Amino acid sequence: MTRTLLALALLAAAAVPGCGGSVADRAPSTWYDSCEVVCRVPSCGACRGSSQVGCGPCRASGEVPCDSCRDGKQRCGTCKGDGRKDGKPCKSCGGSGQTTCGRCGGDRMMTCGRCDGLKFLMCLRAMRISEPMPAPEDQWPPAVPK
């Protein structure tokens, strides 16, 4: 009975996409010779072991200038900046042709997209992986014989 259950389990694993096969089948897309790891090296010139560096695009402020408006205002979408709609003053902008920027709310600054407003980024360092690709007999899950 136990052998039957084991055989069924192996067949079920082989039927699941991505399971079974050999290391050679999966290796090109899953085996890497290098990676990036969070830096904790005290002699690092960028973070001195703290693992964080100031965000460059926002200069560690967490905000960048809004790229959707000018001085917190943008052209009115209703009247297309004309100030008039159907011969009357536009109700959306009060006839000025401009509305408060919908992206920054008129502040002229928006959250930095690189650090998400956190002001810091993780300091990463490259690391070479010297471990060789596993041999077929060492892979997990075990290869299902064909």
C-alpha atoms as a PDB file:
ATOM      1  CA  MET A   1       0.000   0.000   0.000  1.00  0.00           C
ATOM      2  CA  THR A   2       2.839   2.413   0.882  1.00  0.00           C
ATOM      3  CA  ARG A   3       4.577   1.839  -2.462  1.00  0.00           C
ATOM      4  CA  THR A   4       1.319   2.548  -4.278  1.00  0.00           C
ATOM      5  CA  LEU A   5       0.917   5.857  -2.431  1.00  0.00           C
ATOM      6  CA  LEU A   6       4.541   6.782  -3.175  1.00  0.00           C
ATOM      7  CA  ALA A   7       4.063   6.000  -6.860  1.00  0.00           C
ATOM      8  CA  LEU A   8       0.886   8.090  -6.950  1.00  0.00           C
ATOM      9  CA  ALA A   9       2.658  10.987  -5.219  1.00  0.00           C
ATOM     10  CA  LEU A  10       5.493  10.878  -7.763  1.00  0.00           C
ATOM     11  CA  LEU A  11       3.027  10.817 -10.648  1.00  0.00           C
ATOM     12  CA  ALA A  12       1.110  13.748  -9.149  1.00  0.00           C
ATOM     13  CA  ALA A  13       4.353  15.721  -8.740  1.00  0.00           C
ATOM     14  CA  ALA A  14       5.245  15.016 -12.354  1.00  0.00           C
ATOM     15  CA  ALA A  15       1.851  16.323 -13.486  1.00  0.00           C
ATOM     16  CA  VAL A  16       2.318  19.685 -11.710  1.00  0.00           C
ATOM     17  CA  PRO A  17       3.781  22.327 -14.062  1.00  0.00           C
ATOM     18  CA  GLY A  18       7.388  23.119 -13.192  1.00  0.00           C
ATOM     19  CA  CYS A  19       7.952  19.872 -11.302  1.00  0.00           C
ATOM     20  CA  GLY A  20       9.930  16.902 -12.493  1.00  0.00           C
ATOM     21  CA  GLY A  21      12.259  17.033 -15.437  1.00  0.00           C
ATOM     22  CA  SER A  22      15.978  17.394 -14.999  1.00  0.00           C
ATOM     23  CA  VAL A  23      18.230  20.146 -13.705  1.00  0.00           C
ATOM     24  CA  ALA A  24      19.379  20.722 -17.261  1.00  0.00           C
ATOM     25  CA  ASP A  25      15.763  21.513 -18.248  1.00  0.00           C
ATOM     26  CA  ARG A  26      15.410  24.164 -15.534  1.00  0.00           C
ATOM     27  CA  ALA A  27      18.978  25.414 -15.136  1.00  0.00           C
ATOM     28  CA  PRO A  28      19.141  28.107 -17.841  1.00  0.00           C
ATOM     29  CA  SER A  29      16.293  30.068 -16.275  1.00  0.00           C
ATOM     30  CA  THR A  30      16.907  29.397 -12.584  1.00  0.00           C
ATOM     31  CA  TRP A  31      20.667  29.136 -11.994  1.00  0.00           C
ATOM     32  CA  TYR A  32      22.699  32.326 -11.616  1.00  0.00           C
ATOM     33  CA  ASP A  33      26.413  32.922 -11.155  1.00  0.00           C
ATOM     34  CA  SER A  34      25.946  36.239  -9.346  1.00  0.00           C
ATOM     35  CA  CYS A  35      23.411  38.104  -7.230  1.00  0.00           C
ATOM     36  CA  GLU A  36      23.011  41.240  -5.130  1.00  0.00           C
ATOM     37  CA  VAL A  37      22.869  41.127  -1.351  1.00  0.00           C
ATOM     38  CA  VAL A  38      22.193  43.803   1.264  1.00  0.00           C
ATOM     39  CA  CYS A  39      25.526  45.376   2.212  1.00  0.00           C
ATOM     40  CA  ARG A  40      26.638  45.121   5.816  1.00  0.00           C
ATOM     41  CA  VAL A  41      30.332  45.748   5.223  1.00  0.00           C
ATOM     42  CA  PRO A  42      31.729  48.362   7.674  1.00  0.00           C
ATOM     43  CA  SER A  43      34.334  49.470   5.124  1.00  0.00           C
ATOM     44  CA  CYS A  44      31.719  50.181   2.402  1.00  0.00           C
ATOM     45  CA  GLY A  45      32.240  53.697   1.074  1.00  0.00           C
ATOM     46  CA  ALA A  46      28.532  54.181   0.389  1.00  0.00           C
ATOM     47  CA  CYS A  47      26.802  52.964   3.580  1.00  0.00           C
ATOM     48  CA  ARG A  48      29.644  52.182   6.036  1.00  0.00           C
ATOM     49  CA  GLY A  49      27.790  49.004   7.030  1.00  0.00           C
ATOM     50  CA  SER A  50      24.424  50.634   7.796  1.00  0.00           C
ATOM     51  CA  SER A  51      22.778  48.948   4.754  1.00  0.00           C
ATOM     52  CA  GLN A  52      21.139  52.238   3.710  1.00  0.00           C
ATOM     53  CA  VAL A  53      22.109  55.065   1.398  1.00  0.00           C
ATOM     54  CA  GLY A  54      20.335  58.346   0.742  1.00  0.00           C
ATOM     55  CA  CYS A  55      18.060  58.344  -2.281  1.00  0.00           C
ATOM     56  CA  GLY A  56      19.672  60.191  -5.184  1.00  0.00           C
ATOM     57  CA  PRO A  57      16.670  61.337  -7.243  1.00  0.00           C
ATOM     58  CA  CYS A  58      15.048  63.123  -4.273  1.00  0.00           C
ATOM     59  CA  ARG A  59      18.314  63.953  -2.493  1.00  0.00           C
ATOM     60  CA  ALA A  60      17.064  62.029   0.568  1.00  0.00           C
ATOM     61  CA  SER A  61      14.043  64.310   0.986  1.00  0.00           C
ATOM     62  CA  GLY A  62      11.377  61.795  -0.073  1.00  0.00           C
ATOM     63  CA  GLU A  63       9.861  64.251  -2.571  1.00  0.00           C
ATOM     64  CA  VAL A  64      10.517  65.276  -6.158  1.00  0.00           C
ATOM     65  CA  PRO A  65       9.067  68.167  -8.201  1.00  0.00           C
ATOM     66  CA  CYS A  66       5.715  67.348  -9.792  1.00  0.00           C
ATOM     67  CA  ASP A  67       6.081  66.591 -13.491  1.00  0.00           C
ATOM     68  CA  SER A  68       2.372  67.074 -14.256  1.00  0.00           C
ATOM     69  CA  CYS A  69       1.907  70.750 -13.479  1.00  0.00           C
ATOM     70  CA  ARG A  70       3.417  74.206 -13.357  1.00  0.00           C
ATOM     71  CA  ASP A  71       3.303  76.007 -10.015  1.00  0.00           C
ATOM     72  CA  GLY A  72       0.641  73.614  -8.684  1.00  0.00           C
ATOM     73  CA  LYS A  73      -1.786  74.409 -11.495  1.00  0.00           C
ATOM     74  CA  GLN A  74      -2.715  72.582 -14.655  1.00  0.00           C
ATOM     75  CA  ARG A  75      -4.854  73.355 -17.678  1.00  0.00           C
ATOM     76  CA  CYS A  76      -8.564  72.829 -17.051  1.00  0.00           C
ATOM     77  CA  GLY A  77      -9.779  69.653 -18.719  1.00  0.00           C
ATOM     78  CA  THR A  78     -13.350  70.889 -19.066  1.00  0.00           C
ATOM     79  CA  CYS A  79     -12.689  74.071 -21.053  1.00  0.00           C
ATOM     80  CA  LYS A  80      -9.245  73.010 -22.347  1.00  0.00           C
ATOM     81  CA  GLY A  81      -7.675  76.078 -20.735  1.00  0.00           C
ATOM     82  CA  ASP A  82      -9.908  78.561 -22.539  1.00  0.00           C
ATOM     83  CA  GLY A  83     -11.837  79.617 -19.419  1.00  0.00           C
ATOM     84  CA  ARG A  84     -15.145  79.460 -21.258  1.00  0.00           C
ATOM     85  CA  LYS A  85     -17.480  76.593 -21.967  1.00  0.00           C
ATOM     86  CA  ASP A  86     -20.449  77.020 -24.321  1.00  0.00           C
ATOM     87  CA  GLY A  87     -19.946  80.791 -24.307  1.00  0.00           C
ATOM     88  CA  LYS A  88     -20.115  81.029 -20.512  1.00  0.00           C
ATOM     89  CA  PRO A  89     -17.389  81.087 -17.866  1.00  0.00           C
ATOM     90  CA  CYS A  90     -16.257  77.519 -17.097  1.00  0.00           C
ATOM     91  CA  LYS A  91     -17.645  76.270 -13.775  1.00  0.00           C
ATOM     92  CA  SER A  92     -14.762  73.848 -13.192  1.00  0.00           C
ATOM     93  CA  CYS A  93     -12.044  76.488 -13.172  1.00  0.00           C
ATOM     94  CA  GLY A  94     -14.087  79.620 -12.477  1.00  0.00           C
ATOM     95  CA  GLY A  95     -13.101  81.048 -15.845  1.00  0.00           C
ATOM     96  CA  SER A  96      -9.349  81.030 -15.160  1.00  0.00           C
ATOM     97  CA  GLY A  97      -8.561  78.109 -17.476  1.00  0.00           C
ATOM     98  CA  GLN A  98      -6.513  76.442 -14.732  1.00  0.00           C
ATOM     99  CA  THR A  99      -7.283  73.998 -11.929  1.00  0.00           C
ATOM    100  CA  THR A 100      -5.313  72.685  -8.982  1.00  0.00           C
ATOM    101  CA  CYS A 101      -3.039  69.840 -10.025  1.00  0.00           C
ATOM    102  CA  GLY A 102      -4.699  66.504  -9.372  1.00  0.00           C
ATOM    103  CA  ARG A 103      -1.372  64.701  -8.956  1.00  0.00           C
ATOM    104  CA  CYS A 104       0.354  66.858  -6.335  1.00  0.00           C
ATOM    105  CA  GLY A 105      -2.690  68.708  -4.965  1.00  0.00           C
ATOM    106  CA  GLY A 106      -1.070  72.045  -5.727  1.00  0.00           C
ATOM    107  CA  ASP A 107       1.982  71.413  -3.527  1.00  0.00           C
ATOM    108  CA  ARG A 108       4.283  71.235  -6.597  1.00  0.00           C
ATOM    109  CA  MET A 109       6.007  68.245  -4.983  1.00  0.00           C
ATOM    110  CA  MET A 110       5.113  64.559  -5.079  1.00  0.00           C
ATOM    111  CA  THR A 111       6.395  61.403  -3.424  1.00  0.00           C
ATOM    112  CA  CYS A 112       9.652  60.105  -4.890  1.00  0.00           C
ATOM    113  CA  GLY A 113       8.978  57.050  -7.031  1.00  0.00           C
ATOM    114  CA  ARG A 114      12.423  55.565  -6.415  1.00  0.00           C
ATOM    115  CA  CYS A 115      12.339  55.396  -2.593  1.00  0.00           C
ATOM    116  CA  ASP A 116       8.540  55.722  -2.155  1.00  0.00           C
ATOM    117  CA  GLY A 117       9.093  58.713   0.127  1.00  0.00           C
ATOM    118  CA  LEU A 118      11.297  56.777   2.573  1.00  0.00           C
ATOM    119  CA  LYS A 119      14.363  58.949   1.756  1.00  0.00           C
ATOM    120  CA  PHE A 120      16.723  55.944   1.789  1.00  0.00           C
ATOM    121  CA  LEU A 121      17.516  52.976  -0.449  1.00  0.00           C
ATOM    122  CA  MET A 122      19.085  49.656   0.480  1.00  0.00           C
ATOM    123  CA  CYS A 123      22.792  49.503  -0.259  1.00  0.00           C
ATOM    124  CA  LEU A 124      23.362  46.408  -2.404  1.00  0.00           C
ATOM    125  CA  ARG A 125      26.630  44.767  -3.271  1.00  0.00           C
ATOM    126  CA  ALA A 126      27.358  42.220  -5.955  1.00  0.00           C
ATOM    127  CA  MET A 127      28.204  38.701  -4.867  1.00  0.00           C
ATOM    128  CA  ARG A 128      29.605  35.923  -7.034  1.00  0.00           C
ATOM    129  CA  ILE A 129      28.053  32.510  -6.508  1.00  0.00           C
ATOM    130  CA  SER A 130      30.809  29.945  -6.586  1.00  0.00           C
ATOM    131  CA  GLU A 131      28.607  26.940  -5.845  1.00  0.00           C
ATOM    132  CA  PRO A 132      28.360  24.790  -8.987  1.00  0.00           C
ATOM    133  CA  MET A 133      25.045  23.908 -10.542  1.00  0.00           C
ATOM    134  CA  PRO A 134      23.599  20.852  -8.734  1.00  0.00           C
ATOM    135  CA  ALA A 135      24.054  17.488 -10.376  1.00  0.00           C
ATOM    136  CA  PRO A 136      20.839  15.687 -11.389  1.00  0.00           C
ATOM    137  CA  GLU A 137      21.075  13.322  -8.416  1.00  0.00           C
ATOM    138  CA  ASP A 138      21.315  16.304  -6.010  1.00  0.00           C
ATOM    139  CA  GLN A 139      18.296  18.247  -7.272  1.00  0.00           C
ATOM    140  CA  TRP A 140      15.128  18.719  -5.298  1.00  0.00           C
ATOM    141  CA  PRO A 141      12.473  17.603  -5.946  1.00  0.00           C
ATOM    142  CA  PRO A 142      14.035  14.411  -7.281  1.00  0.00           C
ATOM    143  CA  ALA A 143      13.744  13.866 -11.008  1.00  0.00           C
ATOM    144  CA  VAL A 144      10.994  11.500 -12.031  1.00  0.00           C
ATOM    145  CA  PRO A 145      12.413   8.720 -14.241  1.00  0.00           C
ATOM    146  CA  LYS A 146      11.035   8.803 -17.784  1.00  0.00           C
END
